[in-house]
N, C-alpha and C. Protein backbone atom coordinates (compact mmCIF):
# COMPACT_ATOMS: atom_id res chain seq x y z
N MET A 1 112.68 -96.51 -195.51
CA MET A 1 111.61 -96.89 -194.60
C MET A 1 110.29 -96.72 -195.34
N GLY A 2 109.53 -97.79 -195.50
CA GLY A 2 108.27 -97.73 -196.21
C GLY A 2 107.14 -97.24 -195.33
N LYS A 3 106.02 -96.97 -195.96
CA LYS A 3 104.84 -96.54 -195.21
C LYS A 3 104.29 -97.70 -194.41
N ARG A 4 103.74 -97.38 -193.27
CA ARG A 4 103.12 -98.40 -192.45
C ARG A 4 101.80 -97.86 -191.94
N LYS A 5 100.78 -98.65 -192.04
CA LYS A 5 99.45 -98.26 -191.56
C LYS A 5 99.04 -99.22 -190.46
N PHE A 6 98.48 -98.67 -189.41
CA PHE A 6 97.90 -99.51 -188.38
C PHE A 6 96.67 -98.81 -187.84
N ASP A 7 95.72 -99.58 -187.38
CA ASP A 7 94.49 -99.03 -186.82
C ASP A 7 94.65 -98.89 -185.31
N VAL A 8 94.18 -97.77 -184.79
CA VAL A 8 94.25 -97.53 -183.35
C VAL A 8 92.85 -97.15 -182.86
N LYS A 9 92.66 -97.30 -181.58
CA LYS A 9 91.37 -96.96 -180.97
C LYS A 9 91.54 -95.70 -180.14
N LEU A 10 90.64 -94.76 -180.32
CA LEU A 10 90.63 -93.55 -179.53
C LEU A 10 89.93 -93.85 -178.21
N ARG A 11 90.62 -93.56 -177.09
CA ARG A 11 90.05 -93.83 -175.76
C ARG A 11 89.95 -92.53 -174.98
N LYS A 12 88.99 -92.47 -174.08
CA LYS A 12 88.86 -91.32 -173.21
C LYS A 12 89.51 -91.64 -171.87
N VAL A 13 90.36 -90.74 -171.41
CA VAL A 13 91.02 -90.86 -170.11
C VAL A 13 90.82 -89.54 -169.39
N GLY A 14 89.96 -89.53 -168.40
CA GLY A 14 89.63 -88.28 -167.72
C GLY A 14 88.93 -87.34 -168.70
N ASN A 15 89.45 -86.13 -168.83
CA ASN A 15 88.88 -85.15 -169.76
C ASN A 15 89.63 -85.11 -171.09
N SER A 16 90.51 -86.06 -171.31
CA SER A 16 91.32 -86.09 -172.53
C SER A 16 91.04 -87.35 -173.33
N TYR A 17 91.53 -87.36 -174.55
CA TYR A 17 91.45 -88.55 -175.41
C TYR A 17 92.86 -89.02 -175.72
N VAL A 18 93.03 -90.33 -175.82
CA VAL A 18 94.35 -90.94 -175.98
C VAL A 18 94.34 -91.87 -177.19
N VAL A 19 95.39 -91.81 -177.98
CA VAL A 19 95.61 -92.75 -179.08
C VAL A 19 96.85 -93.54 -178.71
N THR A 20 96.77 -94.86 -178.75
CA THR A 20 97.93 -95.68 -178.42
C THR A 20 98.71 -96.01 -179.69
N ILE A 21 100.03 -96.09 -179.54
CA ILE A 21 100.93 -96.43 -180.65
C ILE A 21 101.57 -97.77 -180.31
N PRO A 22 101.54 -98.72 -181.22
CA PRO A 22 102.13 -100.03 -180.95
C PRO A 22 103.61 -99.92 -180.56
N LYS A 23 104.05 -100.78 -179.63
CA LYS A 23 105.42 -100.74 -179.12
C LYS A 23 106.46 -100.87 -180.21
N ASP A 24 106.24 -101.74 -181.20
CA ASP A 24 107.25 -101.88 -182.26
C ASP A 24 107.40 -100.59 -183.06
N THR A 25 106.34 -99.82 -183.19
CA THR A 25 106.42 -98.53 -183.88
C THR A 25 107.16 -97.51 -183.01
N VAL A 26 106.87 -97.51 -181.72
CA VAL A 26 107.58 -96.63 -180.78
C VAL A 26 109.08 -96.92 -180.83
N ASP A 27 109.44 -98.19 -180.81
CA ASP A 27 110.85 -98.58 -180.88
C ASP A 27 111.48 -98.19 -182.21
N ARG A 28 110.77 -98.42 -183.29
CA ARG A 28 111.29 -98.14 -184.64
C ARG A 28 111.65 -96.66 -184.82
N PHE A 29 110.82 -95.78 -184.26
CA PHE A 29 111.05 -94.35 -184.40
C PHE A 29 111.72 -93.74 -183.18
N ASN A 30 112.20 -94.61 -182.27
CA ASN A 30 112.91 -94.16 -181.08
C ASN A 30 112.12 -93.10 -180.30
N LEU A 31 110.84 -93.35 -180.14
CA LEU A 31 110.00 -92.43 -179.37
C LEU A 31 110.16 -92.73 -177.89
N LYS A 32 110.03 -91.70 -177.08
CA LYS A 32 110.15 -91.84 -175.64
C LYS A 32 108.94 -91.18 -174.97
N GLU A 33 108.60 -91.65 -173.78
CA GLU A 33 107.54 -91.01 -173.02
C GLU A 33 107.89 -89.54 -172.84
N GLY A 34 106.93 -88.67 -173.08
CA GLY A 34 107.16 -87.23 -172.96
C GLY A 34 107.51 -86.55 -174.27
N ASP A 35 107.84 -87.34 -175.32
CA ASP A 35 108.09 -86.75 -176.64
C ASP A 35 106.83 -86.05 -177.13
N TYR A 36 107.03 -84.98 -177.87
CA TYR A 36 105.92 -84.28 -178.50
C TYR A 36 105.75 -84.78 -179.92
N LEU A 37 104.51 -85.05 -180.31
CA LEU A 37 104.20 -85.46 -181.67
C LEU A 37 103.26 -84.43 -182.28
N ALA A 38 103.56 -84.00 -183.50
CA ALA A 38 102.66 -83.10 -184.23
C ALA A 38 101.65 -83.96 -184.97
N ILE A 39 100.41 -83.59 -184.89
CA ILE A 39 99.36 -84.31 -185.60
C ILE A 39 98.86 -83.40 -186.72
N ASN A 40 99.06 -83.82 -187.97
CA ASN A 40 98.65 -83.03 -189.13
C ASN A 40 97.42 -83.65 -189.76
N PHE A 41 96.40 -82.85 -189.94
CA PHE A 41 95.18 -83.30 -190.59
C PHE A 41 95.28 -82.89 -192.06
N ASP A 42 95.53 -83.88 -192.93
CA ASP A 42 95.74 -83.63 -194.35
C ASP A 42 94.66 -84.36 -195.13
N SER A 43 93.77 -83.62 -195.75
CA SER A 43 92.63 -84.20 -196.46
C SER A 43 91.82 -85.02 -195.46
N ASP A 44 91.70 -86.31 -195.73
CA ASP A 44 90.97 -87.19 -194.83
C ASP A 44 91.91 -88.06 -194.02
N GLU A 45 93.17 -87.65 -193.90
CA GLU A 45 94.17 -88.45 -193.17
C GLU A 45 94.71 -87.66 -191.99
N ILE A 46 95.12 -88.39 -190.97
CA ILE A 46 95.83 -87.82 -189.83
C ILE A 46 97.26 -88.32 -189.92
N LYS A 47 98.23 -87.39 -189.95
CA LYS A 47 99.63 -87.77 -190.12
C LYS A 47 100.45 -87.27 -188.93
N PRO A 48 100.83 -88.17 -188.02
CA PRO A 48 101.67 -87.74 -186.90
C PRO A 48 103.13 -87.61 -187.32
N SER A 49 103.84 -86.68 -186.70
CA SER A 49 105.28 -86.57 -186.91
C SER A 49 105.92 -86.13 -185.60
N LYS A 50 107.16 -86.53 -185.40
CA LYS A 50 107.87 -86.20 -184.16
C LYS A 50 108.32 -84.75 -184.22
N GLU A 51 108.04 -84.00 -183.16
CA GLU A 51 108.46 -82.61 -183.07
C GLU A 51 109.86 -82.56 -182.49
N LEU A 52 110.70 -81.76 -183.07
CA LEU A 52 112.05 -81.56 -182.54
C LEU A 52 112.01 -80.36 -181.62
N LYS A 53 112.37 -80.56 -180.38
CA LYS A 53 112.36 -79.47 -179.40
C LYS A 53 113.74 -79.25 -178.87
């Protein structure tokens, strides 16, 4: 699986901020509503990863 980059827009919803993930990416990584994602800030990059619970 190669690297994939996509641009997303940060939106405010109530008192929180939301980042949307394209549906094809959600499907590719078998993400489901309610899944936890870890967001790692590495240098000048943000790297999300799926948390195993």
